[in-house]
Amino acid sequence: MEASMEAGGPRRRLVHLDLKGAPPRASYLAEVLPLLRGLGATGLLLEYEDTFPYAGPLEPLRAPHAYSPGEVRAVLSQARAQGLEVVPLVQAFGHMEFVLKHKEFAHLREVKMFPNALNPHKEESRALVKAMIDQVMALHEDVKWFHIGCDEVYYLGEGEESKQWLQQQDNTPEKLCLSHIKAVASCVASSYPGVTPIVWDDMLRGISEETLAESGVPQLVQPMIWDYAADLDVEGKVRLIEKYRRCGFSKVWFASAFKGATGVNQSLTLIGHHLKNHLQWLKVASNSPADVLEGIALTGWQRYDHFSVLCELLPVAIPSLAVCLQALENGGYSERIKENVEKLLGMSNLETETFMSTSLGTFPGSNILTLVTQVSFYLKSSVDELLERNRYVTGWFSPYHRKRKIIHPIIMHHFQPDAVSLLSKWNAVVQDLQAAMEQVFHKCTVEEWMEENVHPSLQKLQQSLK
């Protein structure tokens, strides 16, 4: 058996927790970690963003619901107790909205108008990144890898200083990107000699082998090749890995997705899509040299970026995560593995090709999955059915009629009882969901999810009864 593979799957399997949206309470994470271990995870990729307890000059980065230093330590020691390796992730170039939106740091933007990317020319930009990494490292012991992000560096080269820099001979946006990655990686290497930086690979993919090799970056970082598609191009990935090897990268990581990759406001996880994505990655692994793969991160995006809405909540996606982890651990998926997943989650009928029917599980937060499924399937459709497809309503109880209060009493007689009973039914479901969510999430998350997914339909119904 090769060092980096077992049963055809990557030996290191990191579950990515994207904490920039709906960060679970520390008490919920404590319940979930043993389950992750039991499902086949070997570590965590922790993307804190604004939930890290930054202090001193970095305190503005800290969201009101950020974890306390004590909570971070507790989660890390629980992970250690479960034998889960922790890899922290701090964005150091693109996706820095959570930093650059603040007036204290706005002068470090690449483009004045947009808070996405960091200006790579300023000494102060590097000092900021170093300070963030140092504070995160101070709470993490025995870290072997540190993820410095660097994906989707939008508008790079469009800032005033970049435009001047690019006018000089031989300077290109690719070289600008590589020089910043090199600066951040060198800073990690010199401050923490035992730690290997990881970067997302999308900014590197299109760069020529020669430019990559000459940059010195391949000796400093390990690229994490990400692709969340169900029909991922296996041969293309195998060629990309070969290219990275020729440039001097010693190891690569893969990144798949178990949620948060099929729609920016997706509320339910379609397991089949994510399972196919993992089975494709297994093919890439079996067609690549065994010594090149360091591991795989199963990403679980909670927002597409700092300013977007929430996608599927973590408890909703635990069945998907379970299926994907088990497929990786076993090198494939079968009826036997499905039964094992059902046993581990306490679920009777795990659906992969359709959205889950509302079957209860016994895993932490399974009641949230049940109630979210009910809301996602039936809330809007039942309200629309009553208000838009009922002939009494469309014919005699239109917004025009209601506004002018010209309504025949018999219509209220036909309509009101149905509306009242539908409203009380949904109020009860929503109350249960709210209580279940408050066990797992902070108030601001519950509020945001309800406003996006529940209020529009409920308010329509309430207004029809006024």
Protein backbone atom coordinates (compact mmCIF):
# COMPACT_ATOMS: atom_id res chain seq x y z
CA MET A 1 0.00 0.00 0.00
CA GLU A 2 1.43 3.38 -1.00
CA ALA A 3 2.08 5.97 1.70
CA SER A 4 -0.51 8.53 0.61
CA MET A 5 -3.30 6.15 -0.41
CA GLU A 6 -5.45 3.54 1.24
CA ALA A 7 -8.13 1.45 -0.47
CA GLY A 8 -7.73 3.70 -3.49
CA GLY A 9 -8.48 6.91 -1.57
CA PRO A 10 -6.35 9.78 -0.23
CA ARG A 11 -4.95 9.06 3.21
CA ARG A 12 -5.48 12.58 4.56
CA ARG A 13 -9.09 13.72 4.47
CA LEU A 14 -9.66 17.22 5.83
CA VAL A 15 -13.20 18.49 6.42
CA HIS A 16 -13.35 22.21 5.60
CA LEU A 17 -15.39 24.31 8.01
CA ASP A 18 -16.23 27.63 6.37
CA LEU A 19 -16.94 29.85 9.36
CA LYS A 20 -17.58 33.08 7.44
CA GLY A 21 -21.29 32.30 7.53
CA ALA A 22 -23.47 30.51 10.10
CA PRO A 23 -20.53 29.57 12.36
CA PRO A 24 -21.79 26.77 14.63
CA ARG A 25 -21.58 27.24 18.38
CA ALA A 26 -18.47 25.64 19.91
CA SER A 27 -20.76 23.24 21.81
CA TYR A 28 -22.18 21.92 18.50
CA LEU A 29 -18.70 21.44 17.02
CA ALA A 30 -17.80 19.38 20.11
CA GLU A 31 -20.74 17.06 19.29
CA VAL A 32 -19.88 16.80 15.59
CA LEU A 33 -16.12 16.11 15.80
CA PRO A 34 -16.44 12.48 17.01
CA LEU A 35 -18.95 11.84 14.19
CA LEU A 36 -16.52 13.27 11.60
CA ARG A 37 -13.80 10.99 12.90
CA GLY A 38 -16.14 8.00 12.80
CA LEU A 39 -17.08 8.83 9.20
CA GLY A 40 -13.45 8.80 8.08
CA ALA A 41 -12.16 12.36 8.45
CA THR A 42 -8.50 12.66 9.51
CA GLY A 43 -8.42 16.42 10.00
CA LEU A 44 -10.07 19.83 9.71
CA LEU A 45 -9.39 22.78 7.42
CA LEU A 46 -10.55 25.72 9.54
CA GLU A 47 -11.41 28.88 7.62
CA TYR A 48 -12.09 31.34 10.43
CA GLU A 49 -12.40 34.58 8.49
CA ASP A 50 -14.14 37.06 10.86
CA THR A 51 -14.89 34.49 13.59
CA PHE A 52 -11.30 34.34 14.88
CA PRO A 53 -10.73 36.31 18.11
CA TYR A 54 -8.33 38.82 16.56
CA ALA A 55 -6.96 41.28 19.12
CA GLY A 56 -5.00 44.54 19.30
CA PRO A 57 -4.87 46.46 16.02
CA LEU A 58 -6.70 43.55 14.32
CA GLU A 59 -9.70 43.68 16.66
CA PRO A 60 -11.97 45.37 14.05
CA LEU A 61 -11.82 42.11 12.01
CA ARG A 62 -13.61 40.24 14.77
CA ALA A 63 -17.35 39.75 14.17
CA PRO A 64 -19.70 40.19 17.17
CA HIS A 65 -20.30 36.40 17.17
CA ALA A 66 -16.59 35.48 16.88
CA TYR A 67 -15.29 32.59 18.98
CA SER A 68 -13.45 33.48 22.18
CA PRO A 69 -9.82 32.36 22.58
CA GLY A 70 -11.09 29.81 25.12
CA GLU A 71 -13.62 28.39 22.64
CA VAL A 72 -10.96 28.09 19.92
CA ARG A 73 -8.64 26.28 22.33
CA ALA A 74 -11.46 23.95 23.39
CA VAL A 75 -12.35 23.05 19.78
CA LEU A 76 -8.68 22.46 18.96
CA SER A 77 -8.12 20.23 21.97
CA GLN A 78 -11.31 18.26 21.18
CA ALA A 79 -10.02 17.81 17.62
CA ARG A 80 -6.70 16.62 18.99
CA ALA A 81 -8.45 14.19 21.33
CA GLN A 82 -10.27 12.73 18.30
CA GLY A 83 -6.96 12.40 16.42
CA LEU A 84 -8.00 15.08 13.92
CA GLU A 85 -5.17 17.17 12.48
CA VAL A 86 -5.99 20.88 12.16
CA VAL A 87 -4.95 23.07 9.23
CA PRO A 88 -5.85 26.76 9.73
CA LEU A 89 -6.75 28.90 6.69
CA VAL A 90 -6.17 32.66 6.50
CA GLN A 91 -6.82 34.50 3.24
CA ALA A 92 -3.70 36.49 2.35
CA PHE A 93 -4.48 38.04 -1.07
CA GLY A 94 -7.98 37.67 -2.60
CA HIS A 95 -11.27 37.27 -0.70
CA MET A 96 -10.10 39.75 1.91
CA GLU A 97 -13.43 41.58 2.12
CA PHE A 98 -13.70 40.86 5.85
CA VAL A 99 -10.51 42.92 6.35
CA LEU A 100 -10.60 45.50 3.59
CA LYS A 101 -14.24 46.53 4.18
CA HIS A 102 -13.10 48.25 7.40
CA LYS A 103 -12.01 51.88 7.15
CA GLU A 104 -8.84 51.11 9.13
CA PHE A 105 -7.60 48.83 6.32
CA ALA A 106 -9.33 50.27 3.23
CA HIS A 107 -6.10 52.01 2.13
CA LEU A 108 -4.60 48.56 1.52
CA ARG A 109 -7.03 47.63 -1.27
CA GLU A 110 -5.64 46.80 -4.70
CA VAL A 111 -8.49 48.84 -6.28
CA LYS A 112 -9.76 51.70 -4.15
CA MET A 113 -13.45 50.94 -4.80
CA PHE A 114 -13.43 47.20 -4.08
CA PRO A 115 -12.62 45.34 -0.83
CA ASN A 116 -11.73 42.02 -2.56
CA ALA A 117 -7.97 42.02 -3.10
CA LEU A 118 -4.98 43.23 -1.12
CA ASN A 119 -2.48 45.66 -2.64
CA PRO A 120 0.67 43.50 -3.05
CA HIS A 121 3.05 46.50 -3.38
CA LYS A 122 2.67 47.89 0.12
CA GLU A 123 4.96 46.78 2.92
CA GLU A 124 1.99 47.35 5.24
CA SER A 125 -0.06 44.72 3.34
CA ARG A 126 2.52 42.06 4.14
CA ALA A 127 2.74 43.25 7.75
CA LEU A 128 -1.06 42.90 8.02
CA VAL A 129 -1.00 39.34 6.67
CA LYS A 130 1.89 38.44 8.96
CA ALA A 131 0.03 39.82 12.00
CA MET A 132 -3.07 37.76 11.11
CA ILE A 133 -1.04 34.58 10.62
CA ASP A 134 0.89 35.17 13.87
CA GLN A 135 -2.30 35.60 15.92
CA VAL A 136 -3.85 32.44 14.43
CA MET A 137 -0.63 30.45 14.91
CA ALA A 138 -0.39 31.57 18.54
CA LEU A 139 -3.54 29.53 19.28
CA HIS A 140 -2.58 26.51 17.14
CA GLU A 141 0.09 24.11 18.38
CA ASP A 142 1.79 21.40 16.32
CA VAL A 143 0.50 22.66 12.98
CA LYS A 144 2.16 20.99 9.97
CA TRP A 145 0.33 22.95 7.25
CA PHE A 146 -1.05 26.47 7.04
CA HIS A 147 -3.41 27.44 4.20
CA ILE A 148 -2.79 30.99 2.95
CA GLY A 149 -5.74 31.09 0.52
CA CYS A 150 -4.78 33.19 -2.56
CA ASP A 151 -7.72 32.12 -4.76
CA GLU A 152 -9.79 34.38 -7.01
CA VAL A 153 -7.62 37.49 -6.70
CA TYR A 154 -10.04 39.66 -8.65
CA TYR A 155 -8.84 43.02 -10.04
CA LEU A 156 -5.19 42.12 -9.55
CA GLY A 157 -3.09 44.48 -11.69
CA GLU A 158 -5.85 47.09 -11.88
CA GLY A 159 -4.72 49.26 -8.96
CA GLU A 160 -2.73 52.46 -9.60
CA GLU A 161 0.55 51.07 -8.19
CA SER A 162 0.10 47.83 -10.15
CA LYS A 163 -0.49 49.72 -13.40
CA GLN A 164 2.81 51.57 -12.94
CA TRP A 165 4.62 48.35 -11.99
CA LEU A 166 3.23 46.56 -15.07
CA GLN A 167 4.61 49.25 -17.38
CA GLN A 168 8.14 48.14 -16.54
CA GLN A 169 9.72 45.67 -18.91
CA ASP A 170 9.02 41.94 -18.34
CA ASN A 171 6.51 42.62 -15.55
CA THR A 172 3.22 40.69 -15.86
CA PRO A 173 0.15 40.13 -13.67
CA GLU A 174 1.31 36.48 -13.26
CA LYS A 175 4.67 37.59 -11.86
CA LEU A 176 2.91 40.07 -9.57
CA CYS A 177 0.71 37.27 -8.23
CA LEU A 178 3.64 34.88 -7.74
CA SER A 179 5.80 37.49 -6.00
CA HIS A 180 3.10 38.13 -3.37
CA ILE A 181 2.50 34.39 -2.83
CA LYS A 182 6.26 33.96 -2.48
CA ALA A 183 6.49 36.82 0.05
CA VAL A 184 3.69 35.38 2.23
CA ALA A 185 5.01 31.80 1.97
CA SER A 186 8.57 32.92 2.81
CA CYS A 187 7.24 34.75 5.85
CA VAL A 188 5.49 31.54 7.03
CA ALA A 189 8.63 29.50 6.34
CA SER A 190 10.95 31.83 8.26
CA SER A 191 8.63 32.34 11.26
CA TYR A 192 7.46 28.71 11.45
CA PRO A 193 10.14 26.45 9.92
CA GLY A 194 8.19 23.20 10.39
CA VAL A 195 5.04 24.50 8.66
CA THR A 196 4.28 24.06 4.95
CA PRO A 197 2.03 26.69 3.34
CA ILE A 198 -0.86 25.53 1.11
CA VAL A 199 -2.44 27.72 -1.61
CA TRP A 200 -5.58 27.35 -3.73
CA ASP A 201 -4.33 26.60 -7.23
CA ASP A 202 -6.66 28.61 -9.53
CA MET A 203 -4.30 31.60 -9.89
CA LEU A 204 -1.46 29.20 -10.84
CA ARG A 205 -3.27 27.00 -13.40
CA GLY A 206 -2.84 29.26 -16.40
CA ILE A 207 0.75 30.31 -15.67
CA SER A 208 3.43 28.82 -17.93
CA GLU A 209 5.72 26.12 -16.54
CA GLU A 210 8.73 28.32 -17.11
CA THR A 211 7.30 31.27 -15.16
CA LEU A 212 6.19 28.99 -12.30
CA ALA A 213 9.54 27.22 -12.13
CA GLU A 214 11.53 30.48 -12.16
CA SER A 215 9.38 32.10 -9.45
CA GLY A 216 10.68 29.92 -6.61
CA VAL A 217 7.08 29.40 -5.46
CA PRO A 218 7.00 25.61 -6.10
CA GLN A 219 9.73 25.07 -3.48
CA LEU A 220 7.72 26.97 -0.86
CA VAL A 221 4.06 25.88 -1.14
CA GLN A 222 1.79 22.95 -1.90
CA PRO A 223 -1.05 23.75 -4.34
CA MET A 224 -4.59 22.63 -3.50
CA ILE A 225 -6.30 21.83 -6.82
CA TRP A 226 -10.00 22.59 -6.48
CA ASP A 227 -12.89 21.46 -8.65
CA TYR A 228 -16.41 20.87 -7.37
CA ALA A 229 -18.06 19.64 -10.58
CA ALA A 230 -19.89 16.30 -10.86
CA ASP A 231 -18.34 15.79 -14.30
CA LEU A 232 -14.82 16.88 -13.36
CA ASP A 233 -12.34 16.31 -16.23
CA VAL A 234 -10.13 13.50 -14.93
CA GLU A 235 -7.55 13.58 -17.75
CA GLY A 236 -7.24 17.36 -17.51
CA LYS A 237 -6.52 17.07 -13.77
CA VAL A 238 -3.93 14.32 -14.31
CA ARG A 239 -2.16 16.59 -16.86
CA LEU A 240 -2.32 19.55 -14.45
CA ILE A 241 -0.70 17.46 -11.70
CA GLU A 242 2.07 16.44 -14.13
CA LYS A 243 2.60 20.11 -15.02
CA TYR A 244 2.86 21.07 -11.33
CA ARG A 245 5.35 18.23 -10.77
CA ARG A 246 7.55 19.43 -13.66
CA CYS A 247 7.54 22.98 -12.24
CA GLY A 248 8.98 21.73 -8.95
CA PHE A 249 5.97 21.31 -6.64
CA SER A 250 6.75 18.25 -4.51
CA LYS A 251 3.18 17.47 -3.43
CA VAL A 252 -0.36 18.54 -4.28
CA TRP A 253 -3.69 18.49 -2.47
CA PHE A 254 -7.13 17.98 -3.99
CA ALA A 255 -10.25 19.93 -2.96
CA SER A 256 -13.72 18.50 -3.53
CA ALA A 257 -17.03 19.82 -2.16
CA PHE A 258 -19.70 18.24 0.04
CA LYS A 259 -21.90 21.36 0.06
CA GLY A 260 -22.01 25.01 -0.95
CA ALA A 261 -21.09 24.49 -4.58
CA THR A 262 -24.37 24.04 -6.46
CA GLY A 263 -26.10 27.40 -5.97
CA VAL A 264 -25.41 30.61 -4.11
CA ASN A 265 -28.70 30.42 -2.15
CA GLN A 266 -29.10 26.63 -2.14
CA SER A 267 -30.87 25.43 1.02
CA LEU A 268 -30.82 21.63 0.52
CA THR A 269 -27.84 19.51 -0.51
CA LEU A 270 -28.15 17.22 -3.52
CA ILE A 271 -25.95 14.35 -2.35
CA GLY A 272 -25.65 12.75 -5.80
CA HIS A 273 -23.83 15.77 -7.26
CA HIS A 274 -21.23 15.76 -4.49
CA LEU A 275 -20.80 11.98 -4.49
CA LYS A 276 -20.04 12.07 -8.24
CA ASN A 277 -17.49 14.83 -7.62
CA HIS A 278 -15.69 12.62 -5.09
CA LEU A 279 -15.79 9.54 -7.32
CA GLN A 280 -14.15 11.63 -10.08
CA TRP A 281 -11.42 12.74 -7.66
CA LEU A 282 -10.82 9.07 -6.77
CA LYS A 283 -10.20 8.44 -10.49
CA VAL A 284 -7.71 11.33 -10.58
CA ALA A 285 -5.95 9.83 -7.53
CA SER A 286 -5.71 6.37 -9.08
CA ASN A 287 -4.29 7.85 -12.33
CA SER A 288 -1.62 9.93 -10.58
CA PRO A 289 1.68 8.89 -8.98
CA ALA A 290 0.90 7.79 -5.42
CA ASP A 291 3.71 9.86 -3.90
CA VAL A 292 2.41 13.18 -5.27
CA LEU A 293 -0.88 13.38 -3.33
CA GLU A 294 -0.68 14.84 0.17
CA GLY A 295 -4.42 14.63 0.82
CA ILE A 296 -7.86 16.01 0.00
CA ALA A 297 -9.96 18.75 1.57
CA LEU A 298 -13.74 18.26 1.40
CA THR A 299 -14.92 21.86 1.17
CA GLY A 300 -18.23 22.92 2.69
CA TRP A 301 -18.81 26.51 1.60
CA GLN A 302 -21.24 28.49 3.71
CA ARG A 303 -21.18 31.63 1.59
CA TYR A 304 -19.74 32.10 -1.89
CA ASP A 305 -18.02 35.19 -0.50
CA HIS A 306 -18.20 37.49 2.52
CA PHE A 307 -21.14 39.49 1.15
CA SER A 308 -23.30 36.72 -0.35
CA VAL A 309 -26.28 34.97 1.26
CA LEU A 310 -26.03 31.71 3.19
CA CYS A 311 -26.06 28.42 1.30
CA GLU A 312 -26.78 25.03 2.92
CA LEU A 313 -26.30 24.94 6.68
CA LEU A 314 -23.81 22.42 8.08
CA PRO A 315 -26.41 20.11 9.77
CA VAL A 316 -28.38 19.96 6.50
CA ALA A 317 -25.29 18.73 4.65
CA ILE A 318 -24.04 16.14 7.16
CA PRO A 319 -25.54 13.21 5.18
CA SER A 320 -23.70 14.47 2.07
CA LEU A 321 -20.47 14.82 4.05
CA ALA A 322 -20.95 11.29 5.44
CA VAL A 323 -21.45 9.76 1.97
CA CYS A 324 -18.45 11.63 0.54
CA LEU A 325 -16.10 10.77 3.41
CA GLN A 326 -17.09 7.11 3.29
CA ALA A 327 -16.61 7.01 -0.50
CA LEU A 328 -13.10 8.44 -0.06
CA GLU A 329 -12.20 6.11 2.80
CA ASN A 330 -13.41 3.04 0.90
CA GLY A 331 -12.21 4.06 -2.55
CA GLY A 332 -15.78 4.00 -3.95
CA TYR A 333 -19.46 3.78 -3.05
CA SER A 334 -21.72 0.74 -2.79
CA GLU A 335 -24.90 -0.53 -1.14
CA ARG A 336 -22.80 -1.79 1.79
CA ILE A 337 -21.24 1.64 2.31
CA LYS A 338 -24.68 3.29 2.04
CA GLU A 339 -25.97 0.99 4.81
CA ASN A 340 -22.97 1.85 6.96
CA VAL A 341 -23.63 5.59 6.50
CA GLU A 342 -27.30 5.08 7.42
CA LYS A 343 -26.23 3.27 10.58
CA LEU A 344 -23.72 6.01 11.55
CA LEU A 345 -26.33 8.77 11.00
CA GLY A 346 -29.31 6.87 12.40
CA MET A 347 -31.22 7.35 9.15
CA SER A 348 -33.47 4.77 7.55
CA ASN A 349 -33.46 5.81 3.89
CA LEU A 350 -30.60 7.84 2.53
CA GLU A 351 -31.52 9.38 -0.84
CA THR A 352 -28.67 10.41 -3.11
CA GLU A 353 -30.38 11.14 -6.41
CA THR A 354 -33.28 13.22 -5.10
CA PHE A 355 -33.45 15.64 -2.18
CA MET A 356 -33.88 13.86 1.11
CA SER A 357 -37.39 12.94 2.09
CA THR A 358 -38.08 14.12 5.61
CA SER A 359 -36.69 11.10 7.41
CA LEU A 360 -35.28 11.73 10.85
CA GLY A 361 -31.71 10.90 11.78
CA THR A 362 -30.00 10.74 15.16
CA PHE A 363 -26.88 12.75 14.25
CA PRO A 364 -26.34 16.15 15.90
CA GLY A 365 -28.60 18.73 14.24
CA SER A 366 -30.67 16.16 12.32
CA ASN A 367 -33.89 17.91 13.43
CA ILE A 368 -32.67 21.00 11.53
CA LEU A 369 -32.36 18.92 8.36
CA THR A 370 -35.91 17.60 8.79
CA LEU A 371 -37.45 21.04 9.35
CA VAL A 372 -35.39 22.82 6.67
CA THR A 373 -36.49 20.13 4.21
CA GLN A 374 -40.14 20.77 5.11
CA VAL A 375 -39.74 24.54 4.67
CA SER A 376 -37.76 24.24 1.43
CA PHE A 377 -40.19 21.80 -0.15
CA TYR A 378 -43.55 23.05 1.01
CA LEU A 379 -43.63 26.55 2.50
CA LYS A 380 -43.48 28.69 -0.66
CA SER A 381 -45.41 26.17 -2.76
CA SER A 382 -48.29 25.88 -0.25
CA VAL A 383 -48.61 29.67 0.12
CA ASP A 384 -48.43 30.20 -3.66
CA GLU A 385 -51.00 27.44 -4.17
CA LEU A 386 -53.44 29.25 -1.88
CA LEU A 387 -52.77 32.83 -3.01
CA GLU A 388 -52.01 32.41 -6.70
CA ARG A 389 -53.76 29.26 -7.85
CA ASN A 390 -57.00 29.47 -5.90
CA ARG A 391 -59.73 30.83 -8.21
CA TYR A 392 -61.55 32.64 -5.38
CA VAL A 393 -58.39 34.51 -4.49
CA THR A 394 -57.24 35.33 -8.03
CA GLY A 395 -60.79 36.25 -9.11
CA TRP A 396 -62.33 38.08 -6.16
CA PHE A 397 -59.52 38.74 -3.66
CA SER A 398 -56.74 40.28 -5.73
CA PRO A 399 -54.27 42.90 -4.38
CA TYR A 400 -56.52 45.49 -6.13
CA HIS A 401 -59.57 44.32 -4.18
CA ARG A 402 -57.70 44.11 -0.90
CA LYS A 403 -56.16 47.56 -1.23
CA ARG A 404 -59.57 49.15 -1.86
CA LYS A 405 -61.39 46.85 0.57
CA ILE A 406 -63.99 45.86 -2.06
CA ILE A 407 -64.43 42.25 -1.04
CA HIS A 408 -67.55 40.11 -1.13
CA PRO A 409 -68.07 38.57 2.36
CA ILE A 410 -68.57 35.11 0.87
CA ILE A 411 -64.99 35.16 -0.44
CA MET A 412 -63.63 35.61 3.08
CA HIS A 413 -65.85 32.72 4.07
CA HIS A 414 -64.24 30.56 1.34
CA PHE A 415 -60.69 31.75 1.88
CA GLN A 416 -60.09 32.73 5.49
CA PRO A 417 -60.29 29.31 7.20
CA ASP A 418 -57.72 27.86 4.77
CA ALA A 419 -55.38 30.80 5.20
CA VAL A 420 -55.67 30.75 9.01
CA SER A 421 -54.98 27.03 9.25
CA LEU A 422 -52.03 27.24 6.82
CA LEU A 423 -50.54 30.13 8.77
CA SER A 424 -50.86 28.36 12.12
CA LYS A 425 -49.34 25.18 10.66
CA TRP A 426 -46.30 27.07 9.34
CA ASN A 427 -45.93 29.16 12.48
CA ALA A 428 -45.62 25.93 14.46
CA VAL A 429 -42.99 24.48 12.08
CA VAL A 430 -41.02 27.73 12.06
CA GLN A 431 -41.11 27.91 15.86
CA ASP A 432 -39.65 24.39 16.07
CA LEU A 433 -37.00 25.24 13.49
CA GLN A 434 -36.07 28.43 15.30
CA ALA A 435 -35.64 26.52 18.58
CA ALA A 436 -33.56 23.81 16.86
CA MET A 437 -31.37 26.37 15.11
CA GLU A 438 -30.74 28.37 18.28
CA GLN A 439 -29.17 25.25 19.82
CA VAL A 440 -26.59 25.21 17.03
CA PHE A 441 -26.22 28.79 15.77
CA HIS A 442 -26.08 32.35 17.06
CA LYS A 443 -29.15 34.57 16.85
CA CYS A 444 -27.79 36.54 13.87
CA THR A 445 -27.57 33.34 11.77
CA VAL A 446 -31.10 32.26 12.70
CA GLU A 447 -32.37 35.73 11.85
CA GLU A 448 -30.60 35.81 8.48
CA TRP A 449 -31.79 32.34 7.47
CA MET A 450 -35.38 33.08 8.47
CA GLU A 451 -35.42 36.42 6.65
CA GLU A 452 -34.14 34.83 3.46
CA ASN A 453 -36.06 31.58 3.47
CA VAL A 454 -39.18 31.94 5.61
CA HIS A 455 -40.36 35.53 5.96
CA PRO A 456 -41.18 36.30 2.30
CA SER A 457 -43.82 33.53 2.14
CA LEU A 458 -45.11 33.94 5.70
CA GLN A 459 -45.50 37.70 5.29
CA LYS A 460 -47.46 37.20 2.06
CA LEU A 461 -49.81 34.91 3.94
CA GLN A 462 -50.15 37.24 6.94
CA GLN A 463 -50.89 40.22 4.70
CA SER A 464 -53.68 38.34 2.97
CA LEU A 465 -55.43 38.06 6.35
CA LYS A 466 -55.18 41.72 7.30
